[in-house]
Protein backbone atom coordinates (compact mmCIF):
# COMPACT_ATOMS: atom_id res chain seq x y z
CA UNK A 1 0.00 0.00 0.00
CA UNK A 2 2.87 2.36 0.77
CA UNK A 3 4.29 1.76 -2.69
CA UNK A 4 0.92 2.72 -4.19
CA UNK A 5 0.91 5.92 -2.14
CA UNK A 6 4.33 6.84 -3.53
CA UNK A 7 3.31 6.09 -7.10
CA UNK A 8 0.20 8.21 -6.65
CA UNK A 9 2.46 10.94 -5.24
CA UNK A 10 4.13 11.12 -8.64
CA UNK A 11 0.69 11.32 -10.26
CA UNK A 12 -0.27 14.25 -8.01
CA UNK A 13 3.00 16.05 -8.74
CA UNK A 14 2.39 15.73 -12.48
CA UNK A 15 -1.30 16.56 -12.25
CA UNK A 16 -0.79 19.96 -10.57
CA UNK A 17 1.15 21.66 -13.40
CA UNK A 18 -0.86 19.74 -16.02
CA UNK A 19 -4.10 21.18 -14.60
CA UNK A 20 -2.69 24.71 -14.71
CA UNK A 21 -1.51 24.27 -18.30
CA UNK A 22 -4.88 22.82 -19.31
CA UNK A 23 -6.75 25.74 -17.74
CA UNK A 24 -4.50 28.29 -19.45
CA UNK A 25 -4.94 26.51 -22.78
CA UNK A 26 -8.73 26.48 -22.40
CA UNK A 27 -8.77 30.15 -21.37
CA UNK A 28 -6.68 31.07 -24.41
CA UNK A 29 -9.10 29.24 -26.71
CA UNK A 30 -12.28 30.63 -25.17
CA UNK A 31 -11.05 34.22 -24.95
CA UNK A 32 -9.76 33.94 -28.51
CA UNK A 33 -13.19 32.80 -29.70
CA UNK A 34 -14.85 35.68 -27.89
CA UNK A 35 -12.42 38.17 -29.47
CA UNK A 36 -13.06 36.64 -32.90
CA UNK A 37 -16.75 37.37 -32.47
CA UNK A 38 -15.87 41.03 -31.89
CA UNK A 39 -13.98 41.09 -35.18
CA UNK A 40 -16.88 39.39 -37.01
CA UNK A 41 -19.53 41.82 -35.75
CA UNK A 42 -20.99 43.89 -38.57
CA UNK A 43 -22.64 46.80 -36.80
CA UNK A 44 -21.28 49.06 -34.09
CA UNK A 45 -23.95 47.90 -31.64
CA UNK A 46 -23.03 44.28 -32.29
CA UNK A 47 -19.34 45.11 -31.76
CA UNK A 48 -20.08 46.74 -28.39
CA UNK A 49 -22.16 43.76 -27.27
CA UNK A 50 -19.44 41.35 -28.40
CA UNK A 51 -16.80 43.39 -26.54
CA UNK A 52 -18.84 42.99 -23.35
CA UNK A 53 -19.04 39.25 -23.88
CA UNK A 54 -15.29 39.09 -24.57
CA UNK A 55 -14.52 41.05 -21.41
CA UNK A 56 -16.80 38.81 -19.34
CA UNK A 57 -15.17 35.70 -20.80
CA UNK A 58 -11.71 37.02 -19.95
CA UNK A 59 -12.79 37.94 -16.42
CA UNK A 60 -14.37 34.53 -15.80
CA UNK A 61 -11.25 32.69 -16.91
CA UNK A 62 -9.00 34.96 -14.87
CA UNK A 63 -11.04 34.13 -11.76
CA UNK A 64 -11.08 30.40 -12.54
CA UNK A 65 -7.30 30.33 -12.99
CA UNK A 66 -6.72 32.45 -9.86
CA UNK A 67 -8.79 30.01 -7.79
CA UNK A 68 -7.34 26.80 -9.17
CA UNK A 69 -3.63 27.70 -9.21
CA UNK A 70 -3.33 27.40 -5.39
CA UNK A 71 -5.29 24.14 -5.53
CA UNK A 72 -2.91 22.77 -8.17
CA UNK A 73 0.03 23.93 -6.03
CA UNK A 74 -1.50 21.94 -3.16
CA UNK A 75 -1.58 18.86 -5.43
CA UNK A 76 2.18 19.20 -5.90
CA UNK A 77 2.81 19.59 -2.18
CA UNK A 78 0.56 16.62 -1.38
CA UNK A 79 2.36 14.52 -4.01
CA UNK A 80 5.77 15.54 -2.66
CA UNK A 81 4.84 14.38 0.83
CA UNK A 82 3.37 11.14 -0.52
CA UNK A 83 6.54 10.51 -2.54
CA UNK A 84 8.70 11.13 0.55
CA UNK A 85 6.70 8.58 2.56
CA UNK A 86 5.11 11.02 4.99
CA UNK A 87 1.83 9.09 4.74
CA UNK A 88 3.32 5.63 5.28
CA UNK A 89 2.11 5.48 8.88
CA UNK A 90 -1.22 7.18 9.53
CA UNK A 91 -2.40 7.64 13.12
CA UNK A 92 -5.09 5.25 14.26
CA UNK A 93 -6.24 7.22 17.30
CA UNK A 94 -6.12 10.73 18.70
CA UNK A 95 -3.89 9.43 21.49
CA UNK A 96 -1.27 8.60 18.89
CA UNK A 97 -1.45 12.18 17.56
CA UNK A 98 -1.08 13.64 21.07
CA UNK A 99 1.99 11.51 21.79
CA UNK A 100 3.62 12.62 18.54
CA UNK A 101 4.36 9.09 17.36
């Protein structure tokens, strides 16, 4: 079981940066599509409406990335500890935690 924990530690370490890269890639695509709609708009009113949509899309993705970057960083930390064997012995009772075993 400890070997599985260490293997999964590697998975967590890889998954953190991969999640960030995936989110950035998706944001780039979605914001690019929104900006393309601005360029395709025929009338001035349509351009203004499309600019609002593009700005909202950018803002949404900025918030999503800002929230998930610390989570992905936590994946890497969790994986590092799993790889080092910090989770090999888990406490079975609160007494064991109090004694610092």
